[in-house]
Amino acid sequence: MFVTPAYAQAAGGGATSALAQFVPLILIFAIMYFLMIRPQQKKMGEHRRMVEALKKGDTVVTQGGVIGKITAVRDGELEVEIAPQVKVKIVRGTVAQVVTPTTPAAANS
């Protein structure tokens, strides 16, 4: 029934030790935010801007790996020509990237 001296001493500093226990948890959350969450949000924002800027004539690659040229732009979908006289409708969000044609280097002669 008696309280040991070690237990009594540990019970006295409860407020300070509770705060000290949460500091590592807060630091871990902050590190996770800057290493994982923030870059993902930035990447999503870039993708959203790229999808909003799509226009007729752009060559795109879909998430499925299909390469084609945009022939029509509508609200939520695109019409993409993947072969001569072969057009498919795709959802705007499924465009993975816009392929920019490279210009050939000028010949030095």
Protein backbone atom coordinates (compact mmCIF):
# COMPACT_ATOMS: atom_id res chain seq x y z
CA MET A 1 0.00 0.00 0.00
CA PHE A 2 2.98 2.31 0.21
CA VAL A 3 4.07 4.24 -2.86
CA THR A 4 7.68 3.62 -3.75
CA PRO A 5 9.89 6.73 -4.01
CA ALA A 6 10.69 6.09 -7.71
CA TYR A 7 7.01 5.95 -8.64
CA ALA A 8 6.23 9.10 -6.67
CA GLN A 9 9.04 11.05 -8.39
CA ALA A 10 7.91 9.99 -11.84
CA ALA A 11 4.36 11.14 -11.21
CA GLY A 12 5.45 14.70 -10.36
CA GLY A 13 6.71 15.87 -13.79
CA GLY A 14 3.71 14.83 -15.91
CA ALA A 15 3.09 18.04 -17.87
CA THR A 16 6.66 18.53 -19.06
CA SER A 17 7.22 14.90 -20.00
CA ALA A 18 3.92 14.70 -21.91
CA LEU A 19 4.99 17.60 -24.12
CA ALA A 20 8.41 16.03 -24.62
CA GLN A 21 6.74 12.82 -25.79
CA PHE A 22 4.75 14.63 -28.50
CA VAL A 23 7.70 16.55 -29.97
CA PRO A 24 9.11 13.53 -31.88
CA LEU A 25 5.64 12.73 -33.22
CA ILE A 26 5.21 16.30 -34.46
CA LEU A 27 8.66 16.24 -36.05
CA ILE A 28 7.91 12.97 -37.85
CA PHE A 29 4.66 14.42 -39.23
CA ALA A 30 6.47 17.57 -40.42
CA ILE A 31 9.16 15.52 -42.16
CA MET A 32 6.53 13.31 -43.83
CA TYR A 33 4.67 16.41 -45.01
CA PHE A 34 7.71 17.98 -46.66
CA LEU A 35 9.04 14.73 -48.14
CA MET A 36 5.83 13.07 -49.34
CA ILE A 37 2.63 15.11 -49.19
CA ARG A 38 3.84 18.47 -50.50
CA PRO A 39 5.68 17.10 -53.58
CA GLN A 40 2.63 14.99 -54.48
CA GLN A 41 0.36 18.03 -54.26
CA LYS A 42 2.78 20.00 -56.43
CA LYS A 43 2.85 17.21 -59.03
CA MET A 44 -0.96 17.05 -59.06
CA GLY A 45 -1.14 20.80 -59.62
CA GLU A 46 1.27 20.60 -62.56
CA HIS A 47 -0.77 17.76 -64.10
CA ARG A 48 -4.00 19.73 -63.67
CA ARG A 49 -2.47 22.79 -65.40
CA MET A 50 -1.14 20.60 -68.22
CA VAL A 51 -4.58 19.00 -68.76
CA GLU A 52 -6.30 22.41 -68.76
CA ALA A 53 -3.85 23.70 -71.40
CA LEU A 54 -4.49 20.88 -73.90
CA LYS A 55 -5.49 22.12 -77.33
CA LYS A 56 -6.24 20.80 -80.79
CA GLY A 57 -3.10 19.60 -82.57
CA ASP A 58 -1.17 18.55 -79.43
CA THR A 59 0.39 15.10 -79.49
CA VAL A 60 -0.32 13.31 -76.21
CA VAL A 61 0.46 10.06 -74.42
CA THR A 62 -2.34 8.54 -72.35
CA GLN A 63 -1.84 6.68 -69.09
CA GLY A 64 -2.42 3.48 -71.05
CA GLY A 65 0.51 4.29 -73.33
CA VAL A 66 -1.48 5.24 -76.42
CA ILE A 67 0.08 8.05 -78.47
CA GLY A 68 -2.14 10.24 -80.60
CA LYS A 69 -2.93 13.71 -81.86
CA ILE A 70 -5.84 15.73 -80.43
CA THR A 71 -8.45 16.48 -83.08
CA ALA A 72 -11.23 17.90 -80.87
CA VAL A 73 -11.43 19.29 -77.34
CA ARG A 74 -14.65 19.13 -75.32
CA ASP A 75 -15.45 19.82 -71.66
CA GLY A 76 -14.43 16.54 -70.06
CA GLU A 77 -13.10 14.57 -72.99
CA LEU A 78 -10.78 14.70 -75.97
CA GLU A 79 -10.99 13.16 -79.40
CA VAL A 80 -7.60 11.70 -80.28
CA GLU A 81 -6.49 10.33 -83.64
CA ILE A 82 -4.28 7.31 -82.99
CA ALA A 83 -3.93 6.22 -86.61
CA PRO A 84 -5.08 7.63 -89.95
CA GLN A 85 -8.89 7.81 -89.83
CA VAL A 86 -8.97 6.12 -86.38
CA LYS A 87 -10.28 8.43 -83.65
CA VAL A 88 -11.04 7.59 -80.03
CA LYS A 89 -12.60 9.58 -77.22
CA ILE A 90 -10.66 9.76 -73.99
CA VAL A 91 -11.18 11.47 -70.65
CA ARG A 92 -9.01 14.56 -70.23
CA GLY A 93 -7.55 13.36 -66.94
CA THR A 94 -6.07 10.23 -68.52
CA VAL A 95 -3.48 12.21 -70.47
CA ALA A 96 -0.10 11.42 -68.93
CA GLN A 97 2.02 13.87 -70.90
CA VAL A 98 2.16 16.14 -73.91
CA VAL A 99 4.80 15.11 -76.42
CA THR A 100 6.54 18.14 -77.85
CA PRO A 101 8.04 17.55 -81.26
CA THR A 102 11.75 18.21 -81.30
CA THR A 103 13.12 20.50 -83.93
CA PRO A 104 16.09 19.15 -85.89
CA ALA A 105 19.43 20.81 -85.28
CA ALA A 106 20.67 23.07 -88.03
CA ALA A 107 23.42 21.55 -90.14
CA ASN A 108 26.77 23.29 -89.75
CA SER A 109 28.10 23.50 -93.30
